[in-house]
Amino acid sequence: MQVYNLRGFSFREFINLKTGLDIRSYSLDEILSDHLHISKEIMKKVNPMDYFQDYLEFGFYPFFLEKRNYSENLLKTMNMMMEVDILLIKQIELKYLSKIRKLLYLIMKNAPGPANISQLAIEIQTSRATIMNYIKYLKDARLLNTLYAEEEDYPKKPKQLFVQNTNLMHAVFPKAIDKEAERKTFLYNALHAKHKVNMSRYHNDFCVDRKLNFKYDVKTQNRYGSRTYYAVDAPEVSNKREIPLWMFGLLY
């Protein structure tokens, strides 16, 4: 069976659809080297922060273009992903669907966070090997993301588990979203679209393409290391090592 993976809307695409603008995409190299100029040019046309929270809540999937209830529609789609993308494609019996749903819920409740495979196996009442397989299936269905140490990948245990995108977080836990978890999930999803992302060896969140270190952080002073780029909640910045978080939504 041929499987096609369709990417959700980027923040750039969401802004363009909402405003009628035609903001182009930028490579990561362009953003790192020229983000001060790029952000100023975009801010002349629109304040991205006016749309950013809406995107995090309901901008990733095309349902927002329809007049139906977004969260309800997304929850139904999540169920369909598990039934079709996992049970049908992976040829798993229907009786195991409840375990997969429970596993997804438990991971989402604590994501992003460490992959405690042994504890998950106890709670789901199955083997560690089965949990690892289910996590791989949920990742393939684009419901989860896995973060590995450098030089590691499946079938090894991931270092951390992420919800695939922030819209899923808001659909399942609409009134219990941790801001830092939400922002880190956005950053990982944006970087992961076109780059290899691993857990950083240093005190950062992500290592991209085995050479660039990124960390989500509040806008603070005197905390900037020469190895790290800081993604901050701000429309514009004045420090080359600080990059507005929303700008990572320009990568595609």
Foldseek 3Di string as FASTA:
>chain_A
DDDDDDWFAFLQRLVCVVPVDDDAFDAPVCCLVPVQPVLVVVVVPPQSVVCVVVCLAAVGHPCVVDPDDRLVVVVVVLLVLCVPLPCVVVVNDPVCSVLLVVLLVVQLVDPFDACPLVVSCVVSVHDSQVSLVSLVSCVSSQQKDFAAAPPDDPPPGGGTIHGSGSNSSCSVCVPDDDPQRRLVNSLCNLLVVPWDWHQDPDPAGIDTPNQAGEHEDEDDPPPDDPRYAYAYCDSHDDDSSYHDSSSSSSND
